[in-house]
Amino acid sequence: MLYFAYGSNMQFDQMRERCPSARFVCAARLKDHRLAFTRLSKNRQCGVADVLPSTGADVWGAVFQIDETEIGALDKSEGYRPGRPRIENAYERSEVHVERVGEGKEALAVWIYTVATKMKPNLKPSQEYKQLILDGGRMWHLPALYIQQLEAIETQ
């Protein structure tokens, strides 16, 4: 299955820890969305990443191929359990289309996690969490302008 990481899962060591089969496919962008920090993570004690609809904005990230047998591990790390009431999940998993970077800019159907409930405006990530996102963005050669936007994110 194809999974679009836009937050800390772009950092390859973290992604491989969660899904050992993870293989980088390409950099991609989710059009008409913006990166936000709308959920307070109890584990990280900071705001964690989400994507919100926003006309004209883009969220860049990494597409990974992961073995379908590992989806349960990824669901668990993202606080998602299929069949559980939405209000009890930290994130929801859904399918979206992202635009592949490079020749042809083909659209890919990918799975993504977005905050399910308990959204809070104006949360800030920790410096450590922000660094995971930056490390991933740099590793996968996301556009320089997007990296600058990530660098400008205020932390706690």
N, C-alpha and C. Protein backbone atom coordinates (compact mmCIF):
# COMPACT_ATOMS: atom_id res chain seq x y z
N MET A 1 0.84 -1.18 0.00
CA MET A 1 0.00 0.00 0.00
C MET A 1 0.88 1.24 0.00
N LEU A 2 0.34 2.33 -0.51
CA LEU A 2 1.06 3.60 -0.54
C LEU A 2 0.58 4.48 0.60
N TYR A 3 1.52 5.07 1.31
CA TYR A 3 1.24 5.92 2.46
C TYR A 3 1.95 7.26 2.27
N PHE A 4 1.24 8.36 2.51
CA PHE A 4 1.79 9.71 2.40
C PHE A 4 2.11 10.24 3.79
N ALA A 5 3.40 10.43 4.05
CA ALA A 5 3.86 10.98 5.33
C ALA A 5 4.16 12.46 5.14
N TYR A 6 3.64 13.30 6.01
CA TYR A 6 3.86 14.74 5.93
C TYR A 6 4.42 15.31 7.23
N GLY A 7 4.43 14.51 8.26
CA GLY A 7 4.91 14.95 9.57
C GLY A 7 6.16 14.18 9.96
N SER A 8 6.22 13.76 11.20
CA SER A 8 7.44 13.11 11.70
C SER A 8 7.72 11.78 11.01
N ASN A 9 6.72 11.15 10.41
CA ASN A 9 6.97 9.89 9.70
C ASN A 9 7.79 10.08 8.43
N MET A 10 8.01 11.32 8.01
CA MET A 10 8.93 11.52 6.88
C MET A 10 10.35 11.15 7.29
N GLN A 11 10.66 11.23 8.59
CA GLN A 11 11.99 10.87 9.07
C GLN A 11 12.11 9.36 8.94
N PHE A 12 13.04 8.92 8.08
CA PHE A 12 13.08 7.52 7.65
C PHE A 12 13.33 6.54 8.78
N ASP A 13 14.19 6.88 9.75
CA ASP A 13 14.43 5.96 10.86
C ASP A 13 13.14 5.70 11.63
N GLN A 14 12.37 6.74 11.89
CA GLN A 14 11.10 6.57 12.59
C GLN A 14 10.15 5.72 11.76
N MET A 15 10.07 6.00 10.46
CA MET A 15 9.16 5.25 9.59
C MET A 15 9.55 3.77 9.55
N ARG A 16 10.83 3.49 9.44
CA ARG A 16 11.28 2.09 9.39
C ARG A 16 11.09 1.39 10.72
N GLU A 17 11.16 2.13 11.81
CA GLU A 17 10.90 1.53 13.12
C GLU A 17 9.44 1.09 13.20
N ARG A 18 8.56 1.90 12.65
CA ARG A 18 7.13 1.59 12.68
C ARG A 18 6.75 0.55 11.63
N CYS A 19 7.38 0.64 10.47
CA CYS A 19 7.07 -0.26 9.35
C CYS A 19 8.39 -0.67 8.69
N PRO A 20 8.98 -1.78 9.12
CA PRO A 20 10.28 -2.19 8.58
C PRO A 20 10.32 -2.37 7.06
N SER A 21 9.18 -2.63 6.44
CA SER A 21 9.16 -2.82 4.99
C SER A 21 9.15 -1.50 4.22
N ALA A 22 9.02 -0.37 4.91
CA ALA A 22 8.85 0.93 4.25
C ALA A 22 9.95 1.18 3.22
N ARG A 23 9.50 1.55 2.03
CA ARG A 23 10.41 1.88 0.93
C ARG A 23 9.96 3.20 0.34
N PHE A 24 10.88 4.16 0.24
CA PHE A 24 10.56 5.46 -0.32
C PHE A 24 10.19 5.30 -1.80
N VAL A 25 9.08 5.93 -2.19
CA VAL A 25 8.64 5.89 -3.58
C VAL A 25 8.94 7.22 -4.27
N CYS A 26 8.50 8.31 -3.66
CA CYS A 26 8.71 9.62 -4.27
C CYS A 26 8.29 10.72 -3.30
N ALA A 27 8.73 11.92 -3.61
CA ALA A 27 8.20 13.11 -2.94
C ALA A 27 6.90 13.46 -3.66
N ALA A 28 5.98 14.05 -2.92
CA ALA A 28 4.69 14.39 -3.51
C ALA A 28 4.09 15.57 -2.76
N ARG A 29 3.05 16.15 -3.38
CA ARG A 29 2.36 17.24 -2.70
C ARG A 29 0.86 16.98 -2.66
N LEU A 30 0.29 17.38 -1.56
CA LEU A 30 -1.15 17.35 -1.35
C LEU A 30 -1.64 18.76 -1.59
N LYS A 31 -2.37 18.93 -2.68
CA LYS A 31 -2.82 20.27 -3.05
C LYS A 31 -4.01 20.71 -2.19
N ASP A 32 -4.13 22.03 -2.08
CA ASP A 32 -5.25 22.67 -1.38
C ASP A 32 -5.38 22.23 0.08
N HIS A 33 -4.23 22.04 0.72
CA HIS A 33 -4.15 21.74 2.16
C HIS A 33 -2.97 22.51 2.74
N ARG A 34 -3.02 22.70 4.06
CA ARG A 34 -1.91 23.33 4.76
C ARG A 34 -1.53 22.49 5.97
N LEU A 35 -0.26 22.59 6.34
CA LEU A 35 0.23 21.90 7.53
C LEU A 35 -0.22 22.68 8.76
N ALA A 36 -0.72 21.97 9.75
CA ALA A 36 -1.18 22.60 10.99
C ALA A 36 -0.79 21.68 12.16
N PHE A 37 -0.87 22.21 13.34
CA PHE A 37 -0.59 21.44 14.55
C PHE A 37 -1.82 21.57 15.44
N THR A 38 -2.75 20.64 15.27
CA THR A 38 -4.07 20.76 15.89
C THR A 38 -4.34 19.71 16.97
N ARG A 39 -3.38 18.87 17.25
CA ARG A 39 -3.58 17.82 18.24
C ARG A 39 -2.44 17.84 19.25
N LEU A 40 -2.79 17.77 20.52
CA LEU A 40 -1.79 17.69 21.58
C LEU A 40 -1.46 16.23 21.82
N SER A 41 -0.22 15.87 21.59
CA SER A 41 0.23 14.50 21.81
C SER A 41 0.61 14.33 23.28
N LYS A 42 0.01 13.33 23.92
CA LYS A 42 0.37 13.03 25.31
C LYS A 42 1.78 12.47 25.38
N ASN A 43 2.16 11.67 24.38
CA ASN A 43 3.50 11.07 24.38
C ASN A 43 4.58 12.10 24.16
N ARG A 44 4.37 13.01 23.20
CA ARG A 44 5.41 13.99 22.85
C ARG A 44 5.28 15.29 23.65
N GLN A 45 4.13 15.50 24.29
CA GLN A 45 3.88 16.71 25.06
C GLN A 45 4.03 17.98 24.21
N CYS A 46 3.46 17.91 23.00
CA CYS A 46 3.50 19.07 22.11
C CYS A 46 2.42 18.91 21.05
N GLY A 47 2.24 19.96 20.25
CA GLY A 47 1.35 19.86 19.12
C GLY A 47 1.98 18.97 18.06
N VAL A 48 1.14 18.14 17.42
CA VAL A 48 1.62 17.26 16.36
C VAL A 48 0.87 17.55 15.07
N ALA A 49 1.47 17.15 13.96
CA ALA A 49 1.05 17.57 12.63
C ALA A 49 -0.30 17.02 12.19
N ASP A 50 -0.95 17.84 11.40
CA ASP A 50 -2.21 17.53 10.75
C ASP A 50 -2.22 18.30 9.43
N VAL A 51 -3.11 17.94 8.54
CA VAL A 51 -3.32 18.73 7.33
C VAL A 51 -4.77 19.19 7.31
N LEU A 52 -4.96 20.45 6.95
CA LEU A 52 -6.30 21.04 6.89
C LEU A 52 -6.55 21.59 5.49
N PRO A 53 -7.79 21.49 5.02
CA PRO A 53 -8.10 22.08 3.71
C PRO A 53 -7.77 23.57 3.69
N SER A 54 -7.15 24.00 2.59
CA SER A 54 -6.79 25.40 2.42
C SER A 54 -6.53 25.66 0.95
N THR A 55 -7.46 26.29 0.29
CA THR A 55 -7.36 26.53 -1.15
C THR A 55 -6.07 27.26 -1.50
N GLY A 56 -5.35 26.69 -2.46
CA GLY A 56 -4.13 27.31 -2.95
C GLY A 56 -2.87 26.94 -2.19
N ALA A 57 -3.00 26.28 -1.05
CA ALA A 57 -1.83 25.87 -0.26
C ALA A 57 -1.45 24.43 -0.61
N ASP A 58 -0.22 24.07 -0.32
CA ASP A 58 0.26 22.71 -0.57
C ASP A 58 0.97 22.17 0.66
N VAL A 59 0.81 20.89 0.89
CA VAL A 59 1.60 20.17 1.89
C VAL A 59 2.45 19.16 1.13
N TRP A 60 3.74 19.23 1.35
CA TRP A 60 4.67 18.31 0.71
C TRP A 60 5.01 17.19 1.67
N GLY A 61 5.33 16.03 1.10
CA GLY A 61 5.69 14.90 1.95
C GLY A 61 6.31 13.79 1.14
N ALA A 62 6.44 12.64 1.79
CA ALA A 62 7.07 11.47 1.20
C ALA A 62 6.04 10.36 1.06
N VAL A 63 6.05 9.71 -0.09
CA VAL A 63 5.20 8.54 -0.31
C VAL A 63 6.05 7.30 -0.07
N PHE A 64 5.55 6.42 0.77
CA PHE A 64 6.22 5.16 1.07
C PHE A 64 5.34 3.99 0.64
N GLN A 65 5.98 2.97 0.16
CA GLN A 65 5.32 1.68 -0.07
C GLN A 65 5.54 0.88 1.20
N ILE A 66 4.46 0.40 1.80
CA ILE A 66 4.61 -0.45 2.98
C ILE A 66 3.79 -1.72 2.78
N ASP A 67 4.27 -2.78 3.37
CA ASP A 67 3.60 -4.07 3.29
C ASP A 67 2.26 -3.97 4.03
N GLU A 68 1.23 -4.51 3.43
CA GLU A 68 -0.11 -4.41 4.04
C GLU A 68 -0.18 -5.09 5.40
N THR A 69 0.72 -6.02 5.68
CA THR A 69 0.71 -6.68 7.00
C THR A 69 1.16 -5.73 8.11
N GLU A 70 1.75 -4.59 7.74
CA GLU A 70 2.24 -3.63 8.74
C GLU A 70 1.29 -2.48 8.98
N ILE A 71 0.16 -2.47 8.31
CA ILE A 71 -0.77 -1.35 8.48
C ILE A 71 -1.27 -1.27 9.92
N GLY A 72 -1.43 -2.41 10.57
CA GLY A 72 -1.87 -2.40 11.97
C GLY A 72 -0.88 -1.69 12.88
N ALA A 73 0.41 -1.89 12.64
CA ALA A 73 1.44 -1.22 13.44
C ALA A 73 1.41 0.28 13.20
N LEU A 74 1.23 0.68 11.94
CA LEU A 74 1.15 2.11 11.63
C LEU A 74 -0.11 2.72 12.24
N ASP A 75 -1.24 2.02 12.12
CA ASP A 75 -2.48 2.48 12.74
C ASP A 75 -2.27 2.70 14.24
N LYS A 76 -1.63 1.75 14.89
CA LYS A 76 -1.42 1.85 16.34
C LYS A 76 -0.56 3.07 16.68
N SER A 77 0.52 3.27 15.92
CA SER A 77 1.39 4.40 16.21
C SER A 77 0.70 5.74 15.98
N GLU A 78 -0.32 5.75 15.11
CA GLU A 78 -1.06 6.98 14.83
C GLU A 78 -2.34 7.10 15.68
N GLY A 79 -2.54 6.18 16.60
CA GLY A 79 -3.70 6.26 17.48
C GLY A 79 -5.01 6.02 16.76
N TYR A 80 -4.98 5.10 15.78
CA TYR A 80 -6.18 4.80 14.99
C TYR A 80 -6.49 3.31 15.10
N ARG A 81 -7.77 3.03 15.37
CA ARG A 81 -8.24 1.65 15.35
C ARG A 81 -9.48 1.60 14.47
N PRO A 82 -9.44 0.83 13.38
CA PRO A 82 -10.62 0.71 12.52
C PRO A 82 -11.82 0.21 13.34
N GLY A 83 -12.98 0.77 13.07
CA GLY A 83 -14.19 0.34 13.75
C GLY A 83 -14.45 1.02 15.08
N ARG A 84 -13.45 1.67 15.62
CA ARG A 84 -13.64 2.38 16.89
C ARG A 84 -14.33 3.70 16.59
N PRO A 85 -15.20 4.18 17.46
CA PRO A 85 -15.84 5.47 17.21
C PRO A 85 -14.80 6.56 16.96
N ARG A 86 -15.08 7.43 16.00
CA ARG A 86 -14.15 8.48 15.60
C ARG A 86 -13.63 9.28 16.79
N ILE A 87 -14.49 9.59 17.71
CA ILE A 87 -14.10 10.42 18.86
C ILE A 87 -13.02 9.75 19.71
N GLU A 88 -12.88 8.43 19.60
CA GLU A 88 -11.89 7.70 20.39
C GLU A 88 -10.55 7.56 19.66
N ASN A 89 -10.51 7.90 18.38
CA ASN A 89 -9.27 7.83 17.61
C ASN A 89 -8.54 9.17 17.66
N ALA A 90 -7.22 9.10 17.69
CA ALA A 90 -6.41 10.32 17.61
C ALA A 90 -6.38 10.83 16.17
N TYR A 91 -6.19 9.90 15.24
CA TYR A 91 -6.17 10.21 13.81
C TYR A 91 -7.13 9.29 13.09
N GLU A 92 -7.54 9.71 11.91
CA GLU A 92 -8.35 8.90 11.01
C GLU A 92 -7.49 8.57 9.80
N ARG A 93 -7.65 7.38 9.27
CA ARG A 93 -6.95 7.00 8.04
C ARG A 93 -7.93 7.09 6.88
N SER A 94 -7.52 7.78 5.82
CA SER A 94 -8.38 7.90 4.65
C SER A 94 -7.52 7.93 3.39
N GLU A 95 -8.16 7.77 2.26
CA GLU A 95 -7.44 7.78 0.99
C GLU A 95 -7.59 9.15 0.33
N VAL A 96 -6.48 9.68 -0.16
CA VAL A 96 -6.45 10.95 -0.88
C VAL A 96 -5.58 10.78 -2.12
N HIS A 97 -5.58 11.79 -2.96
CA HIS A 97 -4.69 11.80 -4.12
C HIS A 97 -3.64 12.88 -3.93
N VAL A 98 -2.39 12.50 -4.18
CA VAL A 98 -1.29 13.43 -4.13
C VAL A 98 -0.66 13.48 -5.52
N GLU A 99 0.06 14.56 -5.77
CA GLU A 99 0.73 14.73 -7.06
C GLU A 99 2.19 14.36 -6.91
N ARG A 100 2.60 13.37 -7.66
CA ARG A 100 3.99 12.90 -7.65
C ARG A 100 4.91 13.97 -8.24
N VAL A 101 6.05 14.18 -7.61
CA VAL A 101 7.03 15.14 -8.11
C VAL A 101 7.79 14.50 -9.27
N GLY A 102 8.06 15.30 -10.29
CA GLY A 102 8.87 14.81 -11.40
C GLY A 102 8.10 14.82 -12.70
N GLU A 103 8.64 14.09 -13.64
CA GLU A 103 8.04 14.05 -14.97
C GLU A 103 6.63 13.48 -14.90
N GLY A 104 5.73 14.15 -15.58
CA GLY A 104 4.37 13.67 -15.66
C GLY A 104 3.48 14.09 -14.51
N LYS A 105 4.07 14.32 -13.35
CA LYS A 105 3.31 14.73 -12.17
C LYS A 105 2.04 13.91 -12.00
N GLU A 106 2.18 12.60 -12.10
CA GLU A 106 1.02 11.73 -12.01
C GLU A 106 0.39 11.76 -10.62
N ALA A 107 -0.91 11.57 -10.58
CA ALA A 107 -1.63 11.52 -9.32
C ALA A 107 -1.55 10.11 -8.76
N LEU A 108 -1.31 10.03 -7.46
CA LEU A 108 -1.24 8.74 -6.78
C LEU A 108 -2.30 8.68 -5.70
N ALA A 109 -2.99 7.56 -5.61
CA ALA A 109 -3.92 7.32 -4.51
C ALA A 109 -3.09 6.79 -3.34
N VAL A 110 -3.16 7.48 -2.21
CA VAL A 110 -2.35 7.13 -1.03
C VAL A 110 -3.24 7.16 0.22
N TRP A 111 -2.76 6.49 1.25
CA TRP A 111 -3.40 6.57 2.55
C TRP A 111 -2.72 7.68 3.35
N ILE A 112 -3.52 8.36 4.15
CA ILE A 112 -3.03 9.48 4.95
C ILE A 112 -3.76 9.44 6.29
N TYR A 113 -3.10 9.96 7.32
CA TYR A 113 -3.73 10.11 8.63
C TYR A 113 -3.96 11.59 8.88
N THR A 114 -5.17 11.92 9.29
CA THR A 114 -5.50 13.28 9.68
C THR A 114 -6.17 13.24 11.05
N VAL A 115 -6.06 14.33 11.78
CA VAL A 115 -6.60 14.37 13.14
C VAL A 115 -8.10 14.08 13.12
N ALA A 116 -8.50 13.17 13.98
CA ALA A 116 -9.90 12.74 14.02
C ALA A 116 -10.77 13.72 14.79
N THR A 117 -10.37 14.02 16.00
CA THR A 117 -11.17 14.88 16.87
C THR A 117 -10.22 15.64 17.79
N LYS A 118 -10.80 16.37 18.69
CA LYS A 118 -10.05 17.10 19.71
C LYS A 118 -9.07 18.08 19.08
N MET A 119 -9.47 18.71 18.00
CA MET A 119 -8.60 19.70 17.36
C MET A 119 -8.51 20.95 18.22
N LYS A 120 -7.31 21.45 18.35
CA LYS A 120 -7.07 22.67 19.12
C LYS A 120 -6.26 23.62 18.26
N PRO A 121 -6.72 24.84 18.10
CA PRO A 121 -5.95 25.78 17.30
C PRO A 121 -4.71 26.27 18.05
N ASN A 122 -3.72 26.68 17.29
CA ASN A 122 -2.54 27.37 17.83
C ASN A 122 -1.64 26.53 18.73
N LEU A 123 -1.62 25.22 18.55
CA LEU A 123 -0.66 24.41 19.27
C LEU A 123 0.69 24.55 18.57
N LYS A 124 1.75 24.32 19.31
CA LYS A 124 3.09 24.39 18.73
C LYS A 124 3.81 23.07 18.95
N PRO A 125 4.60 22.68 17.96
CA PRO A 125 5.41 21.47 18.13
C PRO A 125 6.61 21.77 19.03
N SER A 126 7.20 20.71 19.54
CA SER A 126 8.48 20.88 20.24
C SER A 126 9.57 21.05 19.19
N GLN A 127 10.71 21.53 19.61
CA GLN A 127 11.85 21.66 18.69
C GLN A 127 12.25 20.28 18.16
N GLU A 128 12.21 19.27 19.03
CA GLU A 128 12.58 17.91 18.63
C GLU A 128 11.62 17.37 17.56
N TYR A 129 10.33 17.58 17.75
CA TYR A 129 9.34 17.10 16.77
C TYR A 129 9.50 17.85 15.45
N LYS A 130 9.66 19.15 15.53
CA LYS A 130 9.88 19.94 14.31
C LYS A 130 11.12 19.45 13.58
N GLN A 131 12.17 19.10 14.32
CA GLN A 131 13.41 18.63 13.69
C GLN A 131 13.19 17.32 12.94
N LEU A 132 12.33 16.43 13.46
CA LEU A 132 12.02 15.19 12.74
C LEU A 132 11.40 15.51 11.38
N ILE A 133 10.48 16.47 11.36
CA ILE A 133 9.83 16.86 10.11
C ILE A 133 10.86 17.46 9.16
N LEU A 134 11.70 18.36 9.67
CA LEU A 134 12.73 18.97 8.84
C LEU A 134 13.72 17.94 8.29
N ASP A 135 14.15 17.02 9.15
CA ASP A 135 15.09 15.98 8.70
C ASP A 135 14.49 15.17 7.55
N GLY A 136 13.23 14.81 7.69
CA GLY A 136 12.57 14.06 6.63
C GLY A 136 12.43 14.88 5.36
N GLY A 137 12.01 16.13 5.50
CA GLY A 137 11.85 16.99 4.33
C GLY A 137 13.15 17.18 3.57
N ARG A 138 14.22 17.33 4.31
CA ARG A 138 15.53 17.51 3.66
C ARG A 138 16.00 16.20 3.02
N MET A 139 15.78 15.10 3.71
CA MET A 139 16.22 13.81 3.18
C MET A 139 15.57 13.51 1.83
N TRP A 140 14.28 13.85 1.71
CA TRP A 140 13.54 13.52 0.49
C TRP A 140 13.54 14.68 -0.49
N HIS A 141 14.37 15.68 -0.23
CA HIS A 141 14.57 16.81 -1.16
C HIS A 141 13.27 17.52 -1.51
N LEU A 142 12.49 17.83 -0.48
CA LEU A 142 11.29 18.62 -0.71
C LEU A 142 11.72 20.01 -1.18
N PRO A 143 10.84 20.74 -1.84
CA PRO A 143 11.22 22.06 -2.39
C PRO A 143 11.80 22.99 -1.32
N ALA A 144 12.80 23.76 -1.72
CA ALA A 144 13.49 24.67 -0.81
C ALA A 144 12.53 25.64 -0.13
N LEU A 145 11.57 26.15 -0.88
CA LEU A 145 10.60 27.09 -0.30
C LEU A 145 9.78 26.41 0.80
N TYR A 146 9.42 25.16 0.61
CA TYR A 146 8.66 24.43 1.63
C TYR A 146 9.54 24.19 2.86
N ILE A 147 10.79 23.84 2.65
CA ILE A 147 11.72 23.65 3.77
C ILE A 147 11.83 24.96 4.57
N GLN A 148 11.88 26.09 3.89
CA GLN A 148 11.92 27.38 4.58
C GLN A 148 10.66 27.59 5.41
N GLN A 149 9.52 27.17 4.87
CA GLN A 149 8.27 27.29 5.64
C GLN A 149 8.32 26.40 6.89
N LEU A 150 8.89 25.21 6.75
CA LEU A 150 9.02 24.33 7.91
C LEU A 150 9.97 24.93 8.94
N GLU A 151 11.06 25.51 8.48
CA GLU A 151 12.03 26.13 9.38
C GLU A 151 11.40 27.28 10.17
N ALA A 152 10.43 27.95 9.58
CA ALA A 152 9.80 29.12 10.21
C ALA A 152 8.74 28.74 11.24
N ILE A 153 8.40 27.47 11.36
CA ILE A 153 7.39 27.05 12.34
C ILE A 153 7.88 27.36 13.74
N GLU A 154 7.04 28.05 14.50
CA GLU A 154 7.36 28.37 15.89
C GLU A 154 7.20 27.14 16.75
N THR A 155 8.10 26.98 17.71
CA THR A 155 8.04 25.84 18.63
C THR A 155 7.70 26.30 20.04
N GLN A 156 7.47 25.35 20.90
CA GLN A 156 7.13 25.65 22.31
C GLN A 156 8.30 26.32 22.99
